[in-house]
Protein backbone atom coordinates (compact mmCIF):
# COMPACT_ATOMS: atom_id res chain seq x y z
CA MET A 1 22.98 -26.92 -20.34
CA GLY A 2 22.91 -30.56 -21.08
CA LEU A 3 20.03 -32.96 -20.09
CA GLN A 4 22.17 -34.53 -17.23
CA SER A 5 22.99 -31.16 -15.89
CA ALA A 6 19.44 -30.12 -15.99
CA LEU A 7 18.51 -33.23 -13.89
CA ASP A 8 21.18 -32.76 -11.37
CA LEU A 9 20.30 -29.19 -10.93
CA PHE A 10 16.58 -29.89 -10.45
CA LYS A 11 17.54 -32.61 -7.82
CA LEU A 12 19.57 -30.02 -5.98
CA LEU A 13 16.80 -27.35 -6.02
CA ILE A 14 14.17 -30.09 -4.89
CA SER A 15 16.33 -31.31 -1.98
CA LYS A 16 16.80 -27.92 -0.61
CA ASN A 17 13.01 -27.14 -1.04
CA HIS A 18 13.69 -24.04 -3.07
CA MET A 19 11.01 -24.90 -5.66
CA THR A 20 8.60 -27.74 -6.73
CA PHE A 21 8.95 -27.57 -10.48
CA PHE A 22 11.79 -26.46 -12.95
CA ILE A 23 11.29 -24.91 -16.32
CA THR A 24 14.44 -25.84 -18.28
CA TYR A 25 13.87 -23.53 -21.35
CA LYS A 26 14.40 -20.53 -18.82
CA ILE A 27 17.96 -21.44 -18.39
CA SER A 28 18.64 -22.27 -22.12
CA GLN A 29 20.45 -20.01 -24.49
CA ASP A 30 17.61 -19.63 -26.84
CA HIS A 31 16.86 -16.01 -25.57
CA LEU A 32 20.33 -15.01 -26.28
CA GLU A 33 20.31 -16.78 -29.61
CA THR A 34 17.22 -14.95 -30.56
CA PHE A 35 18.70 -11.63 -29.44
CA PHE A 36 21.92 -11.99 -31.30
CA SER A 37 20.00 -13.09 -34.45
CA ALA A 38 18.33 -9.82 -34.40
CA VAL A 39 21.51 -7.97 -33.95
CA ARG A 40 23.06 -9.63 -36.98
CA SER A 41 19.85 -8.91 -39.06
CA LYS A 42 20.46 -5.21 -38.36
CA GLY A 43 23.88 -5.22 -39.82
CA GLY A 44 23.35 -7.32 -42.97
CA TYR A 45 23.65 -10.55 -41.04
CA ASN A 46 27.22 -9.45 -40.00
CA ASP A 47 28.84 -12.17 -37.64
CA ASN A 48 31.55 -9.79 -36.41
CA PRO A 49 29.97 -6.24 -35.94
CA THR A 50 32.04 -3.51 -34.59
CA CYS A 51 31.26 -1.76 -31.23
CA ARG A 52 29.74 1.11 -32.93
CA GLN A 53 27.42 -1.23 -35.06
CA PHE A 54 26.53 -3.33 -32.08
CA GLN A 55 25.57 -0.35 -30.04
CA ALA A 56 23.44 1.11 -32.84
CA ALA A 57 21.72 -2.12 -33.35
CA TYR A 58 21.19 -2.73 -29.65
CA LYS A 59 19.58 0.90 -29.17
CA ARG A 60 17.30 0.28 -32.20
CA LEU A 61 16.21 -3.01 -30.87
CA LEU A 62 15.75 -1.75 -27.23
CA VAL A 63 13.96 1.52 -28.00
CA HIS A 64 12.17 1.18 -31.28
CA ASN A 65 11.50 -2.50 -31.93
CA SER A 66 10.48 -5.55 -30.13
CA ILE A 67 13.19 -8.37 -30.30
CA MET A 68 12.07 -10.87 -32.83
CA GLY A 69 14.33 -13.76 -34.03
CA SER A 70 15.02 -14.55 -37.61
CA VAL A 71 13.04 -17.39 -39.13
CA TYR A 72 16.26 -18.80 -40.32
CA GLY A 73 17.60 -19.04 -36.93
CA ASN A 74 18.42 -22.15 -34.86
CA CYS A 75 15.61 -21.60 -32.16
CA SER A 76 12.14 -20.43 -31.90
CA ILE A 77 10.34 -17.99 -29.68
CA LEU A 78 8.20 -19.60 -26.92
CA ASP A 79 6.45 -16.60 -25.62
CA ASN A 80 4.85 -13.43 -26.58
CA THR A 81 6.86 -10.95 -24.42
CA ASN A 82 7.21 -7.57 -26.10
CA ILE A 83 9.50 -4.56 -25.35
CA GLU A 84 7.33 -1.38 -24.95
CA ALA A 85 8.33 1.39 -27.48
CA VAL A 86 9.62 4.71 -25.86
CA SER A 87 8.52 7.96 -27.47
CA GLY A 88 10.65 10.98 -27.80
CA ASN A 89 7.71 13.30 -27.86
CA LYS A 90 7.18 15.52 -24.87
CA LEU A 91 4.02 14.62 -22.93
CA SER A 92 1.52 17.31 -22.42
CA ASN A 93 -0.71 17.60 -19.32
CA GLU A 94 -4.39 17.68 -20.63
CA ASN A 95 -5.50 18.80 -17.18
CA GLU A 96 -2.73 21.33 -16.62
CA GLU A 97 -5.55 24.02 -16.23
CA GLU A 98 -7.02 22.15 -13.46
CA LEU A 99 -3.71 22.12 -11.43
CA ASN A 100 -4.12 25.47 -9.61
CA PHE A 101 -2.66 26.22 -6.15
CA ASN A 102 -4.74 27.11 -3.16
CA PHE A 103 -2.61 29.90 -1.80
CA ASN A 104 -4.65 29.44 1.50
CA TRP A 105 -3.71 25.86 1.81
CA GLN A 106 -2.94 24.76 5.54
CA ILE A 107 -1.45 21.70 7.02
CA GLU A 108 -4.04 19.05 8.16
CA LYS A 109 -4.65 19.02 11.78
CA PRO A 110 -3.83 15.42 12.42
CA LEU A 111 -0.30 15.97 11.01
CA LEU A 112 0.43 18.77 13.59
CA HIS A 113 0.36 16.07 16.20
CA HIS A 114 3.64 14.70 14.94
CA GLY A 115 6.70 15.75 16.76
CA TYR A 116 8.87 16.54 13.58
CA PHE A 117 6.59 19.62 12.59
CA GLU A 118 8.01 21.61 15.54
CA ASN A 119 11.34 21.57 13.76
CA VAL A 120 9.59 23.10 10.80
CA GLN A 121 8.16 25.97 12.69
CA HIS A 122 11.28 26.58 14.67
CA LEU A 123 14.50 26.00 12.73
CA ASN A 124 17.56 24.89 14.85
CA PRO A 125 20.37 27.26 15.25
CA TYR A 126 22.64 25.71 12.70
CA ILE A 127 19.97 25.95 9.96
CA GLU A 128 19.13 29.64 10.81
CA ASP A 129 23.03 30.29 10.72
CA VAL A 130 23.16 28.79 7.35
CA CYS A 131 20.10 30.99 6.17
CA VAL A 132 21.96 34.03 7.50
CA TYR A 133 24.92 33.16 5.39
CA ILE A 134 22.79 32.46 2.31
CA ALA A 135 21.29 35.94 2.95
CA GLY A 136 24.56 37.48 2.09
CA PHE A 137 24.42 35.98 -1.46
CA VAL A 138 20.65 37.14 -1.77
CA THR A 139 21.79 40.62 -0.72
CA ILE A 140 24.51 40.58 -3.51
CA ARG A 141 22.01 39.60 -6.22
CA ALA A 142 19.42 42.04 -5.07
CA THR A 143 21.93 45.05 -4.94
CA LYS A 144 22.75 44.17 -8.59
CA LYS A 145 19.09 44.62 -9.71
CA ILE A 146 18.27 47.43 -7.66
CA ALA A 147 19.34 50.98 -8.84
CA CYS A 148 17.74 52.88 -5.89
CA THR A 149 20.50 53.65 -3.36
CA SER A 150 18.21 54.33 -0.54
CA CYS A 151 16.69 50.77 -0.93
CA THR A 152 20.19 49.24 -1.27
CA SER A 153 21.12 50.74 2.03
CA HIS A 154 18.53 48.86 3.79
CA LEU A 155 19.74 45.52 2.57
CA LEU A 156 23.33 45.96 3.99
CA ALA A 157 24.53 45.83 7.53
CA THR A 158 28.00 46.63 9.24
CA THR A 159 28.08 43.55 11.53
CA GLN A 160 28.18 39.83 10.68
CA ASN A 161 25.71 37.67 12.71
CA SER A 162 26.53 34.40 11.12
CA LYS A 163 29.17 32.20 12.47
CA LEU A 164 29.57 30.36 9.17
CA ALA A 165 30.14 33.79 7.40
CA THR A 166 32.61 34.80 9.98
CA VAL A 167 34.61 31.51 9.40
CA LYS A 168 34.34 32.10 5.63
CA ASP A 169 34.80 35.78 5.54
CA ARG A 170 38.13 36.81 4.05
CA GLY A 171 37.20 40.59 4.27
CA SER A 172 34.88 40.79 1.15
CA LEU A 173 31.74 39.00 2.08
CA ILE A 174 28.55 41.16 2.14
CA LYS A 175 26.81 41.48 5.44
CA PRO A 176 23.02 41.39 5.07
CA SER A 177 20.63 43.38 7.15
CA MET A 178 18.36 41.95 9.82
CA ASP A 179 15.41 42.34 7.46
CA VAL A 180 16.97 40.28 4.70
CA GLN A 181 17.94 37.65 7.25
CA THR A 182 14.32 37.47 8.50
CA VAL A 183 13.12 37.00 4.80
CA CYS A 184 15.54 34.04 4.12
CA ILE A 185 14.65 32.30 7.46
CA ILE A 186 10.99 32.61 6.75
CA THR A 187 11.49 31.45 3.17
CA GLU A 188 13.42 28.30 4.46
CA GLN A 189 10.52 27.61 6.87
CA VAL A 190 7.97 27.90 4.04
CA PHE A 191 9.96 25.54 1.87
CA ARG A 192 10.27 22.90 4.65
CA GLU A 193 6.56 23.31 5.62
CA TYR A 194 5.01 22.92 2.15
CA ASN A 195 7.70 21.17 0.18
CA TYR A 196 5.40 18.16 -0.46
CA GLY A 197 2.47 20.33 -1.29
CA ILE A 198 4.17 22.01 -4.24
CA MET A 199 3.17 19.94 -7.14
CA ASN A 200 2.94 22.13 -10.29
CA LYS A 201 6.40 23.47 -11.14
CA THR A 202 4.89 26.42 -13.01
CA LYS A 203 3.02 27.53 -9.87
CA THR A 204 5.95 27.03 -7.57
CA LYS A 205 7.29 30.58 -7.60
CA ALA A 206 3.86 32.31 -7.10
CA PHE A 207 3.03 29.91 -4.22
CA VAL A 208 6.21 30.53 -2.34
CA LEU A 209 6.26 34.25 -2.84
CA ASN A 210 2.51 34.41 -1.65
CA LYS A 211 3.31 32.33 1.57
CA VAL A 212 6.55 34.09 2.41
CA LYS A 213 4.86 37.50 2.09
CA THR A 214 1.90 36.45 4.22
CA ASN A 215 4.06 35.06 7.01
CA LEU A 216 6.28 38.11 6.86
CA TYR A 217 3.51 40.75 6.97
CA SER A 218 1.39 39.04 9.55
CA LYS A 219 4.43 38.21 12.00
CA PHE A 220 7.23 40.72 11.41
CA SER A 221 7.82 44.39 10.63
CA ILE A 222 10.49 44.65 7.98
CA PHE A 223 11.64 47.48 5.77
CA ASN A 224 9.02 49.83 7.48
CA ASN A 225 11.51 52.80 7.82
CA MET A 226 12.37 53.08 4.33
CA SER A 227 12.48 56.63 2.97
CA CYS A 228 12.60 55.96 -0.64
CA LEU A 229 12.52 58.74 -3.13
CA ASN A 230 12.04 56.72 -6.17
CA TYR A 231 8.96 55.04 -4.90
CA GLU A 232 7.04 55.13 -8.20
CA ASN A 233 9.83 53.04 -9.88
CA CYS A 234 9.38 49.21 -9.81
CA LEU A 235 12.09 47.50 -8.01
CA PHE A 236 12.30 44.66 -10.69
CA ASP A 237 11.36 46.54 -13.66
CA LYS A 238 11.83 43.50 -15.78
CA THR A 239 9.31 41.18 -14.15
CA HIS A 240 6.96 43.71 -12.52
CA GLN A 241 6.39 41.22 -9.69
CA PHE A 242 6.37 43.72 -6.89
CA GLU A 243 4.00 46.66 -6.31
CA SER A 244 6.45 48.60 -4.18
CA HIS A 245 10.09 48.94 -3.20
CA ARG A 246 9.13 47.35 0.21
CA ASP A 247 7.65 44.31 -1.52
């Protein structure tokens, strides 16, 4: 930008009360000249780099080095602005051992006064219907892991309670039992109630499992009429997470 153009721009901005002073070097091309001088230096001062060469030089300047112009360029740097280097090393949490979940954590009482918490405790019919539909998929995955035919029979039903599943059914959808549907609905409530309280990813599975089992055993009676002959065998023998087939 020439001197006359800078003066005209200054008068225009002052007349509209947009600013009280105008730094002309901020609109100059010196910053671009400095940048392209650094790009040229990465390619042996090549004035016509290819796209691949420019991309490699740009990444190197952006990630690994601060942009510094050549001493032989036609402009000089007027500030000390630096680009922070980005490390590719995985950061480790030194306080990871201190991030332990309190499985007895409860919602603070003042929060219970907000109206939206009622929707967490009582899911609307649409969400419950979707949970019942998802319960069919959970039943399929569970039956593939369970070798006990007696336990498998308690996961299946003969009727379909989900309107969404009825629409999607082409004759081959698995129908989950009421107990499986209850487990999925309670799990959805736990996720909605504690989603902002689950901070440590490594503890999420244990936290959710503990809260779901606590809510189920305190409020519902599920899988109580199971007559399993293979009680001593673990339901998931690869992970050993459950103490009995009912769990």
